[in-house]
């Protein structure tokens, strides 16, 4: 079978996903348009994830090993070594339908001024697939305005211009949550963002090791606060506030009372995320031992409602 080849490098950060990485890599190997290369950065896995990649022996895969430094450092390592003009982000527990890269390549040609391109996706909880809440039309989007109510860019359904991402400093190393939104903000303030409603990505909520479900204290010099810019587009500052308050919910649930309170105070300028701020205040007011269960129940109910299409 003949596969066309693109100018896209696929980068995959890998940490303890031995049970999912083979499926992920197979989904890339079966693309109707092949990437220039696939760079897998094993970020100090302890479960044999890297050995799974080695056993697969896919010719287009380059495995890079590094000490555990977090997902941002792994992605930055891959981007710095990539040769493609564009990099397609893919997490080690998600996968693509066969025409994902073909659709991405079409979008790159159609929107040459874009610095990032996102696509629609499915959410798989292990029992069923639910359509992610994304824009409905193709084209250049008002990223910050759209992102206040739906998902425009998520890592496994996003490709970025490598030179732009690197010139902006890449992903913020050491940041454990919202590291992707941090970079999206910088890119969207610099270049256009385009979106495709073709749903060719499967985001897994059922994987054993979703980074979003694993709380670790942040060890970084970066913060969402540094993105606030009174001279920037008003909506971009509203977006940053929403991201930061969402992050504060998780910080509070894990006992980070002071961190969550700081977010409430710093981002109090927001006019569009009052409901989210109230959730943080309510959670912060609960005894620390009760917060994880309270947030877990809330998230479970939100997911049940989403699955029912409400």
Protein backbone atom coordinates (compact mmCIF):
# COMPACT_ATOMS: atom_id res chain seq x y z
CA UNK A 1 0.00 0.00 0.00
CA UNK A 2 1.33 3.48 -0.87
CA UNK A 3 1.27 6.17 1.80
CA UNK A 4 1.91 9.83 1.02
CA UNK A 5 4.34 11.58 3.37
CA UNK A 6 3.77 14.96 5.01
CA UNK A 7 6.02 17.62 6.51
CA UNK A 8 4.64 16.83 9.96
CA UNK A 9 6.59 15.39 12.86
CA UNK A 10 4.54 13.49 15.44
CA UNK A 11 5.73 13.97 19.02
CA UNK A 12 4.61 11.69 21.83
CA UNK A 13 5.54 12.20 25.50
CA UNK A 14 5.54 8.85 27.25
CA UNK A 15 5.30 8.12 30.95
CA UNK A 16 4.07 4.78 32.33
CA UNK A 17 1.62 3.94 29.57
CA UNK A 18 2.78 0.44 28.71
CA UNK A 19 -0.80 -0.77 28.22
CA UNK A 20 -1.77 2.01 25.79
CA UNK A 21 1.28 3.07 23.80
CA UNK A 22 1.14 0.25 21.25
CA UNK A 23 -2.41 1.17 20.23
CA UNK A 24 -1.39 4.82 20.03
CA UNK A 25 1.58 4.11 17.78
CA UNK A 26 -0.42 1.74 15.56
CA UNK A 27 -2.92 4.52 14.97
CA UNK A 28 -0.09 6.71 13.64
CA UNK A 29 1.49 3.96 11.58
CA UNK A 30 -1.85 3.38 9.82
CA UNK A 31 -2.33 7.00 8.73
CA UNK A 32 -3.24 7.48 5.05
CA UNK A 33 -0.72 10.32 5.01
CA UNK A 34 2.43 9.38 6.86
CA UNK A 35 4.31 11.79 9.14
CA UNK A 36 7.88 12.81 8.45
CA UNK A 37 8.85 11.06 11.68
CA UNK A 38 7.50 9.92 15.03
CA UNK A 39 9.48 11.00 18.08
CA UNK A 40 8.63 9.25 21.34
CA UNK A 41 10.23 10.78 24.42
CA UNK A 42 10.17 8.36 27.34
CA UNK A 43 10.09 10.59 30.40
CA UNK A 44 11.60 8.16 32.89
CA UNK A 45 8.91 5.47 32.71
CA UNK A 46 9.13 2.69 35.30
CA UNK A 47 6.60 0.24 33.83
CA UNK A 48 8.41 -0.88 30.67
CA UNK A 49 6.73 1.62 28.34
CA UNK A 50 9.95 2.30 26.43
CA UNK A 51 10.54 -1.42 25.97
CA UNK A 52 7.10 -1.74 24.36
CA UNK A 53 8.10 0.91 21.83
CA UNK A 54 11.39 -0.87 21.14
CA UNK A 55 9.69 -4.23 20.61
CA UNK A 56 7.33 -2.72 18.04
CA UNK A 57 10.38 -1.75 15.94
CA UNK A 58 8.47 0.68 13.74
CA UNK A 59 10.98 2.16 11.27
CA UNK A 60 9.63 5.73 11.46
CA UNK A 61 9.79 5.82 15.27
CA UNK A 62 12.70 7.42 17.11
CA UNK A 63 12.79 6.71 20.84
CA UNK A 64 14.45 9.27 23.10
CA UNK A 65 14.96 8.55 26.78
CA UNK A 66 15.30 11.16 29.50
CA UNK A 67 15.02 11.41 33.26
CA UNK A 68 11.54 12.23 34.48
CA UNK A 69 11.05 15.96 33.99
CA UNK A 70 7.35 16.22 33.15
CA UNK A 71 5.23 16.33 30.02
CA UNK A 72 6.31 19.86 29.03
CA UNK A 73 9.99 18.95 29.08
CA UNK A 74 9.28 15.78 27.08
CA UNK A 75 7.37 17.71 24.41
CA UNK A 76 10.07 20.37 24.26
CA UNK A 77 12.75 17.73 23.82
CA UNK A 78 10.80 16.24 20.92
CA UNK A 79 10.13 19.61 19.29
CA UNK A 80 13.77 20.61 19.52
CA UNK A 81 14.82 17.43 17.72
CA UNK A 82 12.01 17.33 15.15
CA UNK A 83 12.64 18.16 11.49
CA UNK A 84 9.06 18.74 10.33
CA UNK A 85 7.75 22.26 9.80
CA UNK A 86 4.73 21.27 11.85
CA UNK A 87 4.49 19.08 14.96
CA UNK A 88 1.43 16.99 15.72
CA UNK A 89 0.94 16.44 19.43
CA UNK A 90 -0.26 13.04 20.59
CA UNK A 91 -0.41 11.66 24.12
CA UNK A 92 0.62 8.08 24.71
CA UNK A 93 -2.90 6.90 25.57
CA UNK A 94 -4.89 8.59 22.78
CA UNK A 95 -5.21 7.60 19.14
CA UNK A 96 -6.14 8.88 15.67
CA UNK A 97 -8.47 7.69 12.95
CA UNK A 98 -6.69 6.81 9.69
CA UNK A 99 -7.33 10.13 7.93
CA UNK A 100 -6.36 12.46 10.76
CA UNK A 101 -3.04 13.58 9.28
CA UNK A 102 -4.57 13.84 5.81
CA UNK A 103 -7.15 16.24 7.19
CA UNK A 104 -4.46 18.16 9.07
CA UNK A 105 -2.38 18.51 5.91
CA UNK A 106 -5.41 19.83 4.05
CA UNK A 107 -5.98 22.38 6.81
CA UNK A 108 -2.34 23.49 6.69
CA UNK A 109 -2.67 24.22 2.98
CA UNK A 110 -6.02 25.95 3.42
CA UNK A 111 -4.93 28.20 6.32
CA UNK A 112 -1.26 29.08 5.76
CA UNK A 113 -1.28 31.91 8.32
CA UNK A 114 -2.27 29.60 11.16
CA UNK A 115 0.17 28.93 13.97
CA UNK A 116 -1.96 26.15 15.39
CA UNK A 117 -4.71 23.92 14.02
CA UNK A 118 -7.18 21.99 16.13
CA UNK A 119 -9.75 19.35 15.27
CA UNK A 120 -12.84 17.85 16.86
CA UNK A 121 -12.45 14.70 18.93
CA UNK A 122 -14.22 11.85 20.68
CA UNK A 123 -14.00 11.20 24.43
CA UNK A 124 -13.80 7.49 25.30
CA UNK A 125 -14.53 6.49 28.90
CA UNK A 126 -14.01 2.80 28.24
CA UNK A 127 -17.71 2.15 27.68
CA UNK A 128 -18.72 4.55 24.96
CA UNK A 129 -17.57 7.47 22.88
CA UNK A 130 -19.00 10.94 23.41
CA UNK A 131 -18.41 13.85 21.07
CA UNK A 132 -16.16 16.48 22.61
CA UNK A 133 -17.65 19.96 22.94
CA UNK A 134 -15.98 21.76 20.03
CA UNK A 135 -16.79 24.42 17.39
CA UNK A 136 -19.13 23.27 14.64
CA UNK A 137 -17.63 25.06 11.63
CA UNK A 138 -14.30 24.93 9.86
CA UNK A 139 -12.09 27.96 9.54
CA UNK A 140 -10.04 30.52 11.42
CA UNK A 141 -11.57 30.96 14.86
CA UNK A 142 -11.53 33.61 17.54
CA UNK A 143 -9.60 31.31 19.80
CA UNK A 144 -10.14 33.02 23.14
CA UNK A 145 -13.84 33.70 22.63
CA UNK A 146 -14.52 30.15 21.40
CA UNK A 147 -12.46 28.58 24.18
CA UNK A 148 -14.64 30.17 26.84
CA UNK A 149 -17.40 27.69 26.00
CA UNK A 150 -15.81 24.80 24.10
CA UNK A 151 -12.53 23.06 23.26
CA UNK A 152 -10.61 24.45 20.30
CA UNK A 153 -7.19 22.97 21.05
CA UNK A 154 -6.30 19.89 23.10
CA UNK A 155 -2.89 18.21 22.78
CA UNK A 156 -3.83 15.03 20.89
CA UNK A 157 -5.98 16.97 18.42
CA UNK A 158 -3.58 19.86 17.75
CA UNK A 159 -0.72 20.59 15.38
CA UNK A 160 1.50 23.65 15.81
CA UNK A 161 4.10 25.42 13.71
CA UNK A 162 7.35 24.23 15.22
CA UNK A 163 9.25 27.48 14.70
CA UNK A 164 6.50 29.55 16.34
CA UNK A 165 6.18 27.21 19.33
CA UNK A 166 9.93 27.15 19.91
CA UNK A 167 10.29 30.91 19.48
CA UNK A 168 7.70 31.36 22.24
CA UNK A 169 9.67 29.14 24.59
CA UNK A 170 7.72 25.93 24.04
CA UNK A 171 5.72 24.36 26.85
CA UNK A 172 6.37 25.71 30.38
CA UNK A 173 8.61 23.11 31.98
CA UNK A 174 7.66 22.09 35.49
CA UNK A 175 4.05 23.21 35.12
CA UNK A 176 1.89 20.20 35.91
CA UNK A 177 -1.53 21.53 34.95
CA UNK A 178 -2.64 23.91 32.17
CA UNK A 179 0.76 23.72 30.49
CA UNK A 180 -0.98 23.28 27.14
CA UNK A 181 -3.29 26.28 27.60
CA UNK A 182 -0.24 28.32 28.56
CA UNK A 183 1.31 27.72 25.15
CA UNK A 184 -2.02 28.04 23.30
CA UNK A 185 -2.37 31.52 24.78
CA UNK A 186 1.03 32.61 23.50
CA UNK A 187 0.43 31.16 20.04
CA UNK A 188 -3.06 32.65 19.69
CA UNK A 189 -1.72 36.08 20.59
CA UNK A 190 0.88 35.68 17.84
CA UNK A 191 -0.82 33.89 14.94
CA UNK A 192 -4.16 32.65 13.66
CA UNK A 193 -5.77 29.48 15.00
CA UNK A 194 -7.77 27.32 12.60
CA UNK A 195 -10.20 24.52 13.43
CA UNK A 196 -11.63 21.48 11.66
CA UNK A 197 -14.88 19.86 12.85
CA UNK A 198 -13.87 16.47 11.44
CA UNK A 199 -13.85 14.13 14.44
CA UNK A 200 -10.79 11.95 13.87
CA UNK A 201 -9.19 11.85 17.34
CA UNK A 202 -10.05 9.63 20.31
CA UNK A 203 -9.19 11.07 23.72
CA UNK A 204 -9.15 8.38 26.39
CA UNK A 205 -10.58 9.00 29.84
CA UNK A 206 -10.17 5.31 30.61
CA UNK A 207 -6.38 5.13 30.41
CA UNK A 208 -4.56 4.07 33.56
CA UNK A 209 -2.31 7.11 33.68
CA UNK A 210 -3.96 10.33 32.55
CA UNK A 211 -1.66 13.14 33.59
CA UNK A 212 -4.67 15.32 34.44
CA UNK A 213 -5.73 12.80 37.12
CA UNK A 214 -2.36 12.65 38.84
CA UNK A 215 -1.64 15.55 41.14
CA UNK A 216 1.95 16.54 41.76
CA UNK A 217 3.24 19.80 43.23
CA UNK A 218 4.50 22.21 40.61
CA UNK A 219 8.20 22.93 40.40
CA UNK A 220 8.39 25.71 37.86
CA UNK A 221 9.26 29.34 37.39
CA UNK A 222 6.26 29.74 35.08
CA UNK A 223 2.71 30.66 36.02
CA UNK A 224 -0.54 31.65 34.39
CA UNK A 225 -0.25 34.98 36.16
CA UNK A 226 2.63 36.02 33.90
CA UNK A 227 0.31 35.76 30.89
CA UNK A 228 -1.95 38.54 32.10
CA UNK A 229 -1.37 41.58 29.93
CA UNK A 230 -3.52 44.67 30.27
CA UNK A 231 -2.52 45.67 26.73
CA UNK A 232 -3.58 42.33 25.25
CA UNK A 233 -6.97 41.40 23.86
CA UNK A 234 -9.58 41.57 26.62
CA UNK A 235 -10.88 38.10 25.87
CA UNK A 236 -7.42 36.56 26.14
CA UNK A 237 -7.21 37.75 29.74
CA UNK A 238 -10.67 36.33 30.42
CA UNK A 239 -9.49 33.00 29.00
CA UNK A 240 -6.41 32.96 31.21
CA UNK A 241 -8.60 33.63 34.25
CA UNK A 242 -10.90 30.75 33.39
CA UNK A 243 -8.00 28.36 32.93
CA UNK A 244 -6.40 29.49 36.19
CA UNK A 245 -9.61 29.11 38.18
CA UNK A 246 -10.17 25.65 36.75
CA UNK A 247 -6.68 24.77 37.86
CA UNK A 248 -7.38 26.28 41.29
CA UNK A 249 -10.25 23.82 41.76
CA UNK A 250 -7.83 20.93 41.52
CA UNK A 251 -5.25 22.68 43.68
CA UNK A 252 -7.88 23.23 46.36
CA UNK A 253 -9.08 19.62 46.21
CA UNK A 254 -5.51 18.47 46.86
CA UNK A 255 -5.13 20.72 49.86
CA UNK A 256 -3.63 23.74 48.13
CA UNK A 257 -5.81 26.24 49.97
CA UNK A 258 -3.36 29.12 49.74
CA UNK A 259 -2.62 28.50 46.06
CA UNK A 260 -6.32 28.43 45.22
CA UNK A 261 -6.94 31.60 47.25
CA UNK A 262 -4.15 33.39 45.40
CA UNK A 263 -5.77 32.47 42.08
CA UNK A 264 -9.11 33.83 43.30
CA UNK A 265 -7.46 37.11 44.25
CA UNK A 266 -5.19 37.57 41.23
CA UNK A 267 -7.83 36.68 38.65
CA UNK A 268 -10.67 38.51 40.37
CA UNK A 269 -10.70 40.90 37.40
CA UNK A 270 -12.64 38.34 35.37
CA UNK A 271 -16.18 39.15 34.27
CA UNK A 272 -17.09 35.81 32.66
CA UNK A 273 -16.01 33.10 35.13
CA UNK A 274 -17.93 34.06 38.24
CA UNK A 275 -19.59 30.66 38.54
CA UNK A 276 -16.23 28.92 38.41
CA UNK A 277 -14.77 31.29 41.01
CA UNK A 278 -17.70 30.50 43.32
CA UNK A 279 -16.94 26.77 42.99
CA UNK A 280 -13.38 27.42 44.06
CA UNK A 281 -14.54 29.45 47.05
CA UNK A 282 -17.01 26.76 48.13
CA UNK A 283 -14.42 24.01 47.78
CA UNK A 284 -11.80 26.06 49.62
CA UNK A 285 -14.24 26.59 52.49
CA UNK A 286 -14.67 22.86 53.04
CA UNK A 287 -12.40 20.89 55.37
CA UNK A 288 -9.41 19.72 53.30
CA UNK A 289 -10.24 16.05 53.89
CA UNK A 290 -13.66 16.47 52.26
CA UNK A 291 -12.53 18.28 49.12
CA UNK A 292 -11.29 15.38 46.95
CA UNK A 293 -14.58 13.50 47.35
CA UNK A 294 -16.65 16.64 46.76
CA UNK A 295 -14.81 17.47 43.54
CA UNK A 296 -14.90 13.84 42.41
CA UNK A 297 -18.67 13.66 42.82
CA UNK A 298 -19.10 16.95 40.99
CA UNK A 299 -16.92 15.80 38.07
CA UNK A 300 -18.73 12.48 37.90
CA UNK A 301 -22.09 14.19 37.71
CA UNK A 302 -20.79 16.57 35.02
CA UNK A 303 -19.58 13.59 32.96
CA UNK A 304 -22.91 11.77 33.32
CA UNK A 305 -24.72 14.89 32.12
CA UNK A 306 -22.29 15.25 29.19
CA UNK A 307 -22.83 11.62 28.14
CA UNK A 308 -26.57 12.21 28.05
CA UNK A 309 -26.03 15.14 25.72
CA UNK A 310 -27.33 17.71 28.21
